[in-house]
Structures are given as C-alpha cells and as structure tokens.
C-alpha cells in the first residue's frame, strides 16, 4: 500500500485546460479516448485515497475502498461533460463517494441484519427484477407483494430493513422540505471538509432539479435555498422576482417537493433492493 501511495503521489495533477482536452478525447472515443481516460483517472487517484480515508473503520478494508472508489472515478471519466463548467475533480468526487458509500452500505447492512432477513431481501430483489422484465416497468409495491405472496405490511418491513443504511441521495420528508433543507444546510455549513465536498453536493442537487423539475420550479427552489449564489430568499422575495403572490410561490414549491419525493420513492427500491 505504501508503494502504491508513493507512485500515485508522483503523478502530476492536470491543469483545467488539460482536463478539457482529455474530456474531449474521451468523448470522441477510440484509442486516443482510452488513453485520455487513463490520464484523467491516474491524475485523480489521490482524490480516491483522500475520500476512502473518510470511510475507514466502517467494515470495509482500505484497499477495497480504494478499488471501489477507483471504479467510480473511471465512471466519472466516461461521463464527464466539461461544457457544464465544473472541474473534473468536483464531478469525480460525487462518483467516487457514491461508489465507496455503496460498498460501505452493502457491508454494514449485511453485518447488521439477521441472516433470515438478508435472505428475504435477496428474494425480493430477484422477484422484483423478474417482475420488472415482465411488466416493462418498475413494479408497484402492491404488485411486488402479490408476486412474493406476502402481505404489504410484511413487504414494507423487509424494505425498511433494506433501507436502514443512510443514503447520500436527496430526499424529501413528511414535511415536504425537511430532508432537502438538511442537505442544503450541509452545502452552506462551514464544516472543516474540503471545498470540493460542498461543490459536489451543490452539483448533485442542481443536477437533480434540472432533470426532474420544470424550469420555473427549478429556479424557484434555487432562489429559495440559495443553490446558485448562496443567498436564501423568502417566499415574498421570490414572489417579487416572478411577479407572483407568496401563496403561489409556496404552491409551486410544494409541487416541486412532491415531484422530488416521487423520484426518491422510485430510487429507494432501486438503491436498496439492487436494481440500479
């Protein structure tokens, strides 16, 4: 391990303009694209080690954490879109952290749950995949319960057990904005974490809003919680910007939260039952 750390420590970091050149080459594909991908990955292996250190003593060996994080880094190199204006390290941080936390979550869940419950979770996973193939869509919980010959209450118990590990994905709680606010507070919170961590979370939230909300819904949430400029605004302030009443802004915000909650509910089954 010491030799590996010495080797990656000698690899020079890339300049922003070099990242763009390599990202373009990766997008073009071919042998040059593979070469460029290796360059992006090799220059950011220290970032993998840095993130992996945060998850020591979680039940996963350090070397395994690095291996999982490296897979996330490779995925980031393949999907990076430099046109969005983010540094590669900011984008890669999210993919590396996701890969590592999933490995930790999988290990901690296996250790924590009784064997019989793990077996039930695996059965749900298998039946869900089969049913999804037959239906051509993600099965509803009621449909899954019928296929498993379980009542919905017992199925919900199994799913709750599978979800015990904390997710890094954005959620929206019973009060509609509770969980989102917690994540946004993390973005603005002046913790001793590196700046790139906050930028990665900001990137993650904005990507989610852009993907699942209308432009107006996205803009309202970004203004309300300061996702672009760091300045949080009241309903009245946002209403003046859009020339809408305070109540109308609240309604649009609530609708946006409902959409995010539905997205999260779909993701829960995929994340914790394993069909990502």
C-alpha atoms as a PDB file:
ATOM      1  CA  UNK A   1       0.000   0.000   0.000  1.00  0.00           C
ATOM      2  CA  UNK A   2       2.827   2.397   0.854  1.00  0.00           C
ATOM      3  CA  UNK A   3       4.427   1.837  -2.546  1.00  0.00           C
ATOM      4  CA  UNK A   4       1.097   2.472  -4.299  1.00  0.00           C
ATOM      5  CA  UNK A   5       0.611   5.742  -2.430  1.00  0.00           C
ATOM      6  CA  UNK A   6       4.124   6.823  -3.376  1.00  0.00           C
ATOM      7  CA  UNK A   7       3.503   6.012  -7.036  1.00  0.00           C
ATOM      8  CA  UNK A   8       0.249   7.948  -7.336  1.00  0.00           C
ATOM      9  CA  UNK A   9       1.794  10.817  -5.384  1.00  0.00           C
ATOM     10  CA  UNK A  10       4.299  11.284  -8.194  1.00  0.00           C
ATOM     11  CA  UNK A  11       1.613  11.642 -10.874  1.00  0.00           C
ATOM     12  CA  UNK A  12       1.203  15.367 -11.693  1.00  0.00           C
ATOM     13  CA  UNK A  13      -2.199  16.993 -11.355  1.00  0.00           C
ATOM     14  CA  UNK A  14      -3.896  18.227 -14.508  1.00  0.00           C
ATOM     15  CA  UNK A  15      -4.495  21.853 -15.355  1.00  0.00           C
ATOM     16  CA  UNK A  16      -8.102  22.858 -16.175  1.00  0.00           C
ATOM     17  CA  UNK A  17      -7.266  23.233 -19.853  1.00  0.00           C
ATOM     18  CA  UNK A  18      -5.723  19.755 -19.883  1.00  0.00           C
ATOM     19  CA  UNK A  19      -8.884  18.304 -18.343  1.00  0.00           C
ATOM     20  CA  UNK A  20     -10.907  19.808 -21.188  1.00  0.00           C
ATOM     21  CA  UNK A  21      -8.579  18.380 -23.831  1.00  0.00           C
ATOM     22  CA  UNK A  22      -8.721  14.910 -22.306  1.00  0.00           C
ATOM     23  CA  UNK A  23     -12.502  15.090 -21.784  1.00  0.00           C
ATOM     24  CA  UNK A  24     -12.999  15.900 -25.461  1.00  0.00           C
ATOM     25  CA  UNK A  25     -10.778  12.989 -26.429  1.00  0.00           C
ATOM     26  CA  UNK A  26     -12.752  10.622 -24.195  1.00  0.00           C
ATOM     27  CA  UNK A  27     -15.990  11.772 -25.830  1.00  0.00           C
ATOM     28  CA  UNK A  28     -14.529  11.081 -29.279  1.00  0.00           C
ATOM     29  CA  UNK A  29     -13.648   7.523 -28.266  1.00  0.00           C
ATOM     30  CA  UNK A  30     -11.126   5.251 -29.936  1.00  0.00           C
ATOM     31  CA  UNK A  31      -7.610   4.520 -28.762  1.00  0.00           C
ATOM     32  CA  UNK A  32      -6.897   8.174 -28.060  1.00  0.00           C
ATOM     33  CA  UNK A  33     -10.063   8.336 -25.968  1.00  0.00           C
ATOM     34  CA  UNK A  34      -8.958   5.349 -23.885  1.00  0.00           C
ATOM     35  CA  UNK A  35      -5.543   6.944 -23.421  1.00  0.00           C
ATOM     36  CA  UNK A  36      -7.153  10.220 -22.324  1.00  0.00           C
ATOM     37  CA  UNK A  37      -9.436   8.393 -19.884  1.00  0.00           C
ATOM     38  CA  UNK A  38      -6.426   6.731 -18.276  1.00  0.00           C
ATOM     39  CA  UNK A  39      -4.765  10.129 -17.921  1.00  0.00           C
ATOM     40  CA  UNK A  40      -7.843  11.598 -16.209  1.00  0.00           C
ATOM     41  CA  UNK A  41      -8.092   8.632 -13.873  1.00  0.00           C
ATOM     42  CA  UNK A  42      -4.394   8.440 -12.984  1.00  0.00           C
ATOM     43  CA  UNK A  43      -4.201  12.157 -12.209  1.00  0.00           C
ATOM     44  CA  UNK A  44      -7.074  11.863  -9.710  1.00  0.00           C
ATOM     45  CA  UNK A  45      -6.200   8.659  -7.855  1.00  0.00           C
ATOM     46  CA  UNK A  46      -5.078  10.746  -4.881  1.00  0.00           C
ATOM     47  CA  UNK A  47      -8.639  12.036  -4.640  1.00  0.00           C
ATOM     48  CA  UNK A  48      -9.854   8.436  -4.349  1.00  0.00           C
ATOM     49  CA  UNK A  49      -7.451   7.786  -1.466  1.00  0.00           C
ATOM     50  CA  UNK A  50      -8.473  11.032   0.242  1.00  0.00           C
ATOM     51  CA  UNK A  51     -12.169  10.127   0.115  1.00  0.00           C
ATOM     52  CA  UNK A  52     -11.552   6.494   1.075  1.00  0.00           C
ATOM     53  CA  UNK A  53      -9.774   7.606   4.268  1.00  0.00           C
ATOM     54  CA  UNK A  54     -13.033   9.173   5.469  1.00  0.00           C
ATOM     55  CA  UNK A  55     -14.669   5.739   5.474  1.00  0.00           C
ATOM     56  CA  UNK A  56     -12.064   3.780   7.415  1.00  0.00           C
ATOM     57  CA  UNK A  57     -13.296   1.525  10.230  1.00  0.00           C
ATOM     58  CA  UNK A  58     -16.680   1.051   8.562  1.00  0.00           C
ATOM     59  CA  UNK A  59     -16.223  -2.689   7.971  1.00  0.00           C
ATOM     60  CA  UNK A  60     -14.592  -2.451   4.527  1.00  0.00           C
ATOM     61  CA  UNK A  61     -10.787  -2.860   4.124  1.00  0.00           C
ATOM     62  CA  UNK A  62      -8.950   0.269   2.996  1.00  0.00           C
ATOM     63  CA  UNK A  63      -7.746  -1.401  -0.208  1.00  0.00           C
ATOM     64  CA  UNK A  64     -11.320  -2.389  -1.091  1.00  0.00           C
ATOM     65  CA  UNK A  65     -12.472   1.184  -0.501  1.00  0.00           C
ATOM     66  CA  UNK A  66      -9.789   2.405  -2.907  1.00  0.00           C
ATOM     67  CA  UNK A  67     -10.772  -0.189  -5.502  1.00  0.00           C
ATOM     68  CA  UNK A  68     -14.449   0.763  -5.298  1.00  0.00           C
ATOM     69  CA  UNK A  69     -13.596   4.455  -5.441  1.00  0.00           C
ATOM     70  CA  UNK A  70     -11.394   3.872  -8.477  1.00  0.00           C
ATOM     71  CA  UNK A  71     -14.334   2.280 -10.288  1.00  0.00           C
ATOM     72  CA  UNK A  72     -16.365   5.392  -9.513  1.00  0.00           C
ATOM     73  CA  UNK A  73     -13.523   7.549 -10.829  1.00  0.00           C
ATOM     74  CA  UNK A  74     -13.463   5.589 -14.098  1.00  0.00           C
ATOM     75  CA  UNK A  75     -17.209   6.088 -14.434  1.00  0.00           C
ATOM     76  CA  UNK A  76     -16.752   9.817 -13.876  1.00  0.00           C
ATOM     77  CA  UNK A  77     -14.111   9.985 -16.617  1.00  0.00           C
ATOM     78  CA  UNK A  78     -16.534   8.302 -19.011  1.00  0.00           C
ATOM     79  CA  UNK A  79     -19.470  10.614 -18.230  1.00  0.00           C
ATOM     80  CA  UNK A  80     -17.737  13.961 -17.617  1.00  0.00           C
ATOM     81  CA  UNK A  81     -19.197  16.877 -19.592  1.00  0.00           C
ATOM     82  CA  UNK A  82     -16.747  19.762 -19.384  1.00  0.00           C
ATOM     83  CA  UNK A  83     -19.234  22.084 -21.121  1.00  0.00           C
ATOM     84  CA  UNK A  84     -21.168  22.387 -17.850  1.00  0.00           C
ATOM     85  CA  UNK A  85     -18.317  24.380 -16.351  1.00  0.00           C
ATOM     86  CA  UNK A  86     -17.427  22.072 -13.454  1.00  0.00           C
ATOM     87  CA  UNK A  87     -13.891  20.953 -12.731  1.00  0.00           C
ATOM     88  CA  UNK A  88     -13.370  17.251 -13.277  1.00  0.00           C
ATOM     89  CA  UNK A  89     -12.367  16.748  -9.644  1.00  0.00           C
ATOM     90  CA  UNK A  90     -15.680  18.240  -8.484  1.00  0.00           C
ATOM     91  CA  UNK A  91     -17.627  15.936 -10.773  1.00  0.00           C
ATOM     92  CA  UNK A  92     -15.489  12.902  -9.971  1.00  0.00           C
ATOM     93  CA  UNK A  93     -15.860  13.455  -6.222  1.00  0.00           C
ATOM     94  CA  UNK A  94     -19.556  12.577  -6.418  1.00  0.00           C
ATOM     95  CA  UNK A  95     -18.974   9.370  -8.380  1.00  0.00           C
ATOM     96  CA  UNK A  96     -16.103   8.255  -6.141  1.00  0.00           C
ATOM     97  CA  UNK A  97     -18.058   8.931  -2.972  1.00  0.00           C
ATOM     98  CA  UNK A  98     -21.131   7.171  -4.331  1.00  0.00           C
ATOM     99  CA  UNK A  99     -19.131   4.041  -5.182  1.00  0.00           C
ATOM    100  CA  UNK A 100     -17.442   3.953  -1.781  1.00  0.00           C
ATOM    101  CA  UNK A 101     -20.577   4.636   0.253  1.00  0.00           C
ATOM    102  CA  UNK A 102     -22.473   1.922  -1.584  1.00  0.00           C
ATOM    103  CA  UNK A 103     -19.725  -0.552  -0.729  1.00  0.00           C
ATOM    104  CA  UNK A 104     -19.827   0.549   2.910  1.00  0.00           C
ATOM    105  CA  UNK A 105     -23.627   0.433   2.957  1.00  0.00           C
ATOM    106  CA  UNK A 106     -23.675  -3.057   1.494  1.00  0.00           C
ATOM    107  CA  UNK A 107     -21.168  -4.319   4.049  1.00  0.00           C
ATOM    108  CA  UNK A 108     -22.793  -2.636   7.046  1.00  0.00           C
ATOM    109  CA  UNK A 109     -26.250  -3.824   6.012  1.00  0.00           C
ATOM    110  CA  UNK A 110     -25.048  -7.419   5.678  1.00  0.00           C
ATOM    111  CA  UNK A 111     -23.370  -7.320   9.081  1.00  0.00           C
ATOM    112  CA  UNK A 112     -26.262  -5.649  10.834  1.00  0.00           C
ATOM    113  CA  UNK A 113     -29.201  -7.680   9.521  1.00  0.00           C
ATOM    114  CA  UNK A 114     -30.072 -11.228  10.613  1.00  0.00           C
ATOM    115  CA  UNK A 115     -29.359 -13.957   8.067  1.00  0.00           C
ATOM    116  CA  UNK A 116     -33.037 -14.766   7.527  1.00  0.00           C
ATOM    117  CA  UNK A 117     -33.771 -11.109   6.768  1.00  0.00           C
ATOM    118  CA  UNK A 118     -30.888 -10.877   4.300  1.00  0.00           C
ATOM    119  CA  UNK A 119     -32.317 -13.941   2.541  1.00  0.00           C
ATOM    120  CA  UNK A 120     -35.728 -12.271   2.319  1.00  0.00           C
ATOM    121  CA  UNK A 121     -34.178  -9.112   0.892  1.00  0.00           C
ATOM    122  CA  UNK A 122     -32.352 -11.151  -1.737  1.00  0.00           C
ATOM    123  CA  UNK A 123     -35.604 -12.903  -2.665  1.00  0.00           C
ATOM    124  CA  UNK A 124     -37.395  -9.572  -3.032  1.00  0.00           C
ATOM    125  CA  UNK A 125     -34.530  -8.384  -5.217  1.00  0.00           C
ATOM    126  CA  UNK A 126     -34.785 -11.410  -7.501  1.00  0.00           C
ATOM    127  CA  UNK A 127     -38.579 -11.322  -7.835  1.00  0.00           C
ATOM    128  CA  UNK A 128     -38.572  -7.585  -8.404  1.00  0.00           C
ATOM    129  CA  UNK A 129     -36.163  -7.896 -11.329  1.00  0.00           C
ATOM    130  CA  UNK A 130     -38.199 -10.702 -12.880  1.00  0.00           C
ATOM    131  CA  UNK A 131     -41.428  -8.757 -12.473  1.00  0.00           C
ATOM    132  CA  UNK A 132     -39.872  -5.595 -13.914  1.00  0.00           C
ATOM    133  CA  UNK A 133     -38.862  -7.534 -17.033  1.00  0.00           C
ATOM    134  CA  UNK A 134     -42.369  -8.940 -17.432  1.00  0.00           C
ATOM    135  CA  UNK A 135     -44.105  -5.584 -16.916  1.00  0.00           C
ATOM    136  CA  UNK A 136     -41.551  -3.443 -18.722  1.00  0.00           C
ATOM    137  CA  UNK A 137     -41.511  -1.016 -15.784  1.00  0.00           C
ATOM    138  CA  UNK A 138     -40.757  -0.839 -12.080  1.00  0.00           C
ATOM    139  CA  UNK A 139     -43.450  -2.839 -10.257  1.00  0.00           C
ATOM    140  CA  UNK A 140     -45.600  -1.134  -7.666  1.00  0.00           C
ATOM    141  CA  UNK A 141     -45.267  -2.318  -4.091  1.00  0.00           C
ATOM    142  CA  UNK A 142     -48.699  -3.972  -4.176  1.00  0.00           C
ATOM    143  CA  UNK A 143     -47.753  -5.913  -7.320  1.00  0.00           C
ATOM    144  CA  UNK A 144     -44.497  -6.977  -5.734  1.00  0.00           C
ATOM    145  CA  UNK A 145     -46.314  -8.191  -2.626  1.00  0.00           C
ATOM    146  CA  UNK A 146     -48.666 -10.350  -4.723  1.00  0.00           C
ATOM    147  CA  UNK A 147     -45.778 -11.885  -6.668  1.00  0.00           C
ATOM    148  CA  UNK A 148     -43.962 -12.679  -3.415  1.00  0.00           C
ATOM    149  CA  UNK A 149     -47.148 -13.993  -1.775  1.00  0.00           C
ATOM    150  CA  UNK A 150     -46.655 -11.565   1.096  1.00  0.00           C
ATOM    151  CA  UNK A 151     -48.992  -9.013   2.593  1.00  0.00           C
ATOM    152  CA  UNK A 152     -47.929  -5.410   2.018  1.00  0.00           C
ATOM    153  CA  UNK A 153     -47.134  -4.858   5.689  1.00  0.00           C
ATOM    154  CA  UNK A 154     -44.578  -7.683   5.720  1.00  0.00           C
ATOM    155  CA  UNK A 155     -43.068  -6.477   2.450  1.00  0.00           C
ATOM    156  CA  UNK A 156     -42.769  -2.963   3.861  1.00  0.00           C
ATOM    157  CA  UNK A 157     -40.944  -4.405   6.881  1.00  0.00           C
ATOM    158  CA  UNK A 158     -38.414  -6.058   4.562  1.00  0.00           C
ATOM    159  CA  UNK A 159     -37.969  -2.897   2.502  1.00  0.00           C
ATOM    160  CA  UNK A 160     -37.465  -0.781   5.621  1.00  0.00           C
ATOM    161  CA  UNK A 161     -34.755  -3.166   6.767  1.00  0.00           C
ATOM    162  CA  UNK A 162     -33.061  -2.851   3.386  1.00  0.00           C
ATOM    163  CA  UNK A 163     -33.148   0.939   3.640  1.00  0.00           C
ATOM    164  CA  UNK A 164     -31.593   1.266   7.091  1.00  0.00           C
ATOM    165  CA  UNK A 165     -28.272   2.490   5.751  1.00  0.00           C
ATOM    166  CA  UNK A 166     -28.224   6.245   5.277  1.00  0.00           C
ATOM    167  CA  UNK A 167     -28.497   7.354   1.647  1.00  0.00           C
ATOM    168  CA  UNK A 168     -26.484  10.223   0.227  1.00  0.00           C
ATOM    169  CA  UNK A 169     -29.192  10.900  -2.336  1.00  0.00           C
ATOM    170  CA  UNK A 170     -31.517  13.820  -1.788  1.00  0.00           C
ATOM    171  CA  UNK A 171     -34.796  13.028  -0.047  1.00  0.00           C
ATOM    172  CA  UNK A 172     -37.957  14.935   0.797  1.00  0.00           C
ATOM    173  CA  UNK A 173     -39.508  14.110   4.144  1.00  0.00           C
ATOM    174  CA  UNK A 174     -43.005  14.128   5.603  1.00  0.00           C
ATOM    175  CA  UNK A 175     -42.917  17.913   5.980  1.00  0.00           C
ATOM    176  CA  UNK A 176     -42.133  18.137   2.254  1.00  0.00           C
ATOM    177  CA  UNK A 177     -38.941  20.158   2.596  1.00  0.00           C
ATOM    178  CA  UNK A 178     -37.248  18.738   5.680  1.00  0.00           C
ATOM    179  CA  UNK A 179     -34.701  16.426   4.093  1.00  0.00           C
ATOM    180  CA  UNK A 180     -33.928  18.765   1.223  1.00  0.00           C
ATOM    181  CA  UNK A 181     -33.238  21.545   3.677  1.00  0.00           C
ATOM    182  CA  UNK A 182     -30.887  19.296   5.629  1.00  0.00           C
ATOM    183  CA  UNK A 183     -28.838  18.659   2.511  1.00  0.00           C
ATOM    184  CA  UNK A 184     -28.852  22.323   1.559  1.00  0.00           C
ATOM    185  CA  UNK A 185     -27.743  23.216   5.080  1.00  0.00           C
ATOM    186  CA  UNK A 186     -24.819  20.851   4.560  1.00  0.00           C
ATOM    187  CA  UNK A 187     -23.895  22.769   1.427  1.00  0.00           C
ATOM    188  CA  UNK A 188     -23.800  26.093   3.300  1.00  0.00           C
ATOM    189  CA  UNK A 189     -22.465  24.707   6.584  1.00  0.00           C
ATOM    190  CA  UNK A 190     -18.932  25.874   7.320  1.00  0.00           C
ATOM    191  CA  UNK A 191     -17.550  22.490   8.317  1.00  0.00           C
ATOM    192  CA  UNK A 192     -13.824  21.701   8.023  1.00  0.00           C
ATOM    193  CA  UNK A 193     -14.500  19.490   4.993  1.00  0.00           C
ATOM    194  CA  UNK A 194     -12.757  20.411   1.776  1.00  0.00           C
ATOM    195  CA  UNK A 195     -14.419  22.944  -0.512  1.00  0.00           C
ATOM    196  CA  UNK A 196     -14.814  20.343  -3.226  1.00  0.00           C
ATOM    197  CA  UNK A 197     -17.229  18.374  -0.999  1.00  0.00           C
ATOM    198  CA  UNK A 198     -19.635  21.318  -0.792  1.00  0.00           C
ATOM    199  CA  UNK A 199     -19.293  21.942  -4.510  1.00  0.00           C
ATOM    200  CA  UNK A 200     -20.018  18.290  -5.210  1.00  0.00           C
ATOM    201  CA  UNK A 201     -23.220  18.385  -3.155  1.00  0.00           C
ATOM    202  CA  UNK A 202     -24.288  21.629  -4.825  1.00  0.00           C
ATOM    203  CA  UNK A 203     -23.687  19.984  -8.201  1.00  0.00           C
ATOM    204  CA  UNK A 204     -25.687  16.918  -7.126  1.00  0.00           C
ATOM    205  CA  UNK A 205     -28.725  18.937  -6.021  1.00  0.00           C
ATOM    206  CA  UNK A 206     -28.776  21.171  -9.087  1.00  0.00           C
ATOM    207  CA  UNK A 207     -28.457  18.161 -11.407  1.00  0.00           C
ATOM    208  CA  UNK A 208     -31.481  16.591  -9.705  1.00  0.00           C
ATOM    209  CA  UNK A 209     -33.567  19.757 -10.021  1.00  0.00           C
ATOM    210  CA  UNK A 210     -32.639  20.217 -13.678  1.00  0.00           C
ATOM    211  CA  UNK A 211     -33.534  16.630 -14.508  1.00  0.00           C
ATOM    212  CA  UNK A 212     -36.880  16.318 -12.737  1.00  0.00           C
ATOM    213  CA  UNK A 213     -38.423  19.808 -12.439  1.00  0.00           C
ATOM    214  CA  UNK A 214     -39.746  22.407 -14.847  1.00  0.00           C
ATOM    215  CA  UNK A 215     -37.504  25.454 -15.378  1.00  0.00           C
ATOM    216  CA  UNK A 216     -39.747  27.611 -13.159  1.00  0.00           C
ATOM    217  CA  UNK A 217     -39.874  25.040 -10.355  1.00  0.00           C
ATOM    218  CA  UNK A 218     -36.109  24.636 -10.539  1.00  0.00           C
ATOM    219  CA  UNK A 219     -35.487  28.389 -10.495  1.00  0.00           C
ATOM    220  CA  UNK A 220     -37.797  28.890  -7.514  1.00  0.00           C
ATOM    221  CA  UNK A 221     -36.040  26.243  -5.418  1.00  0.00           C
ATOM    222  CA  UNK A 222     -32.634  27.559  -6.427  1.00  0.00           C
ATOM    223  CA  UNK A 223     -33.646  31.059  -5.324  1.00  0.00           C
ATOM    224  CA  UNK A 224     -35.379  29.892  -2.137  1.00  0.00           C
ATOM    225  CA  UNK A 225     -32.396  27.910  -0.900  1.00  0.00           C
ATOM    226  CA  UNK A 226     -29.502  29.789  -2.494  1.00  0.00           C
ATOM    227  CA  UNK A 227     -28.336  26.916  -4.641  1.00  0.00           C
ATOM    228  CA  UNK A 228     -26.702  29.196  -7.194  1.00  0.00           C
ATOM    229  CA  UNK A 229     -25.472  32.249  -5.289  1.00  0.00           C
ATOM    230  CA  UNK A 230     -25.589  31.080  -1.655  1.00  0.00           C
ATOM    231  CA  UNK A 231     -28.333  33.594  -0.763  1.00  0.00           C
ATOM    232  CA  UNK A 232     -31.551  32.069   0.587  1.00  0.00           C
ATOM    233  CA  UNK A 233     -34.728  34.071  -0.091  1.00  0.00           C
ATOM    234  CA  UNK A 234     -38.176  34.213   1.479  1.00  0.00           C
ATOM    235  CA  UNK A 235     -41.384  33.316  -0.338  1.00  0.00           C
ATOM    236  CA  UNK A 236     -42.163  37.036  -0.593  1.00  0.00           C
ATOM    237  CA  UNK A 237     -38.781  37.847  -2.136  1.00  0.00           C
ATOM    238  CA  UNK A 238     -39.088  35.080  -4.716  1.00  0.00           C
ATOM    239  CA  UNK A 239     -42.657  36.159  -5.435  1.00  0.00           C
ATOM    240  CA  UNK A 240     -41.481  39.658  -6.328  1.00  0.00           C
ATOM    241  CA  UNK A 241     -38.894  38.243  -8.736  1.00  0.00           C
ATOM    242  CA  UNK A 242     -41.548  36.194 -10.566  1.00  0.00           C
ATOM    243  CA  UNK A 243     -44.342  38.746 -10.080  1.00  0.00           C
ATOM    244  CA  UNK A 244     -46.388  36.101  -8.257  1.00  0.00           C
ATOM    245  CA  UNK A 245     -48.056  36.022  -4.859  1.00  0.00           C
ATOM    246  CA  UNK A 246     -46.404  34.487  -1.823  1.00  0.00           C
ATOM    247  CA  UNK A 247     -49.059  31.763  -1.789  1.00  0.00           C
ATOM    248  CA  UNK A 248     -48.497  30.913  -5.456  1.00  0.00           C
ATOM    249  CA  UNK A 249     -44.753  30.533  -4.873  1.00  0.00           C
ATOM    250  CA  UNK A 250     -45.499  28.261  -1.907  1.00  0.00           C
ATOM    251  CA  UNK A 251     -47.781  26.125  -4.102  1.00  0.00           C
ATOM    252  CA  UNK A 252     -45.141  25.781  -6.835  1.00  0.00           C
ATOM    253  CA  UNK A 253     -42.523  24.916  -4.224  1.00  0.00           C
ATOM    254  CA  UNK A 254     -44.803  22.263  -2.683  1.00  0.00           C
ATOM    255  CA  UNK A 255     -45.466  20.759  -6.115  1.00  0.00           C
ATOM    256  CA  UNK A 256     -41.731  20.601  -6.801  1.00  0.00           C
ATOM    257  CA  UNK A 257     -41.160  18.822  -3.487  1.00  0.00           C
ATOM    258  CA  UNK A 258     -43.861  16.277  -4.311  1.00  0.00           C
ATOM    259  CA  UNK A 259     -42.081  15.515  -7.584  1.00  0.00           C
ATOM    260  CA  UNK A 260     -38.791  15.042  -5.757  1.00  0.00           C
ATOM    261  CA  UNK A 261     -40.460  12.766  -3.236  1.00  0.00           C
ATOM    262  CA  UNK A 262     -41.828  10.566  -6.023  1.00  0.00           C
ATOM    263  CA  UNK A 263     -38.371  10.420  -7.603  1.00  0.00           C
ATOM    264  CA  UNK A 264     -36.874   9.388  -4.278  1.00  0.00           C
ATOM    265  CA  UNK A 265     -39.544   6.728  -3.694  1.00  0.00           C
ATOM    266  CA  UNK A 266     -38.694   5.164  -7.053  1.00  0.00           C
ATOM    267  CA  UNK A 267     -34.992   5.324  -6.282  1.00  0.00           C
ATOM    268  CA  UNK A 268     -35.352   3.733  -2.845  1.00  0.00           C
ATOM    269  CA  UNK A 269     -36.392   0.389  -4.253  1.00  0.00           C
ATOM    270  CA  UNK A 270     -33.607   0.536  -6.826  1.00  0.00           C
ATOM    271  CA  UNK A 271     -30.897   1.663  -4.403  1.00  0.00           C
ATOM    272  CA  UNK A 272     -31.594  -0.748  -1.595  1.00  0.00           C
ATOM    273  CA  UNK A 273     -33.057  -3.738  -3.437  1.00  0.00           C
ATOM    274  CA  UNK A 274     -30.320  -3.512  -6.020  1.00  0.00           C
ATOM    275  CA  UNK A 275     -31.679  -2.761  -9.487  1.00  0.00           C
ATOM    276  CA  UNK A 276     -29.828   0.443 -10.249  1.00  0.00           C
END
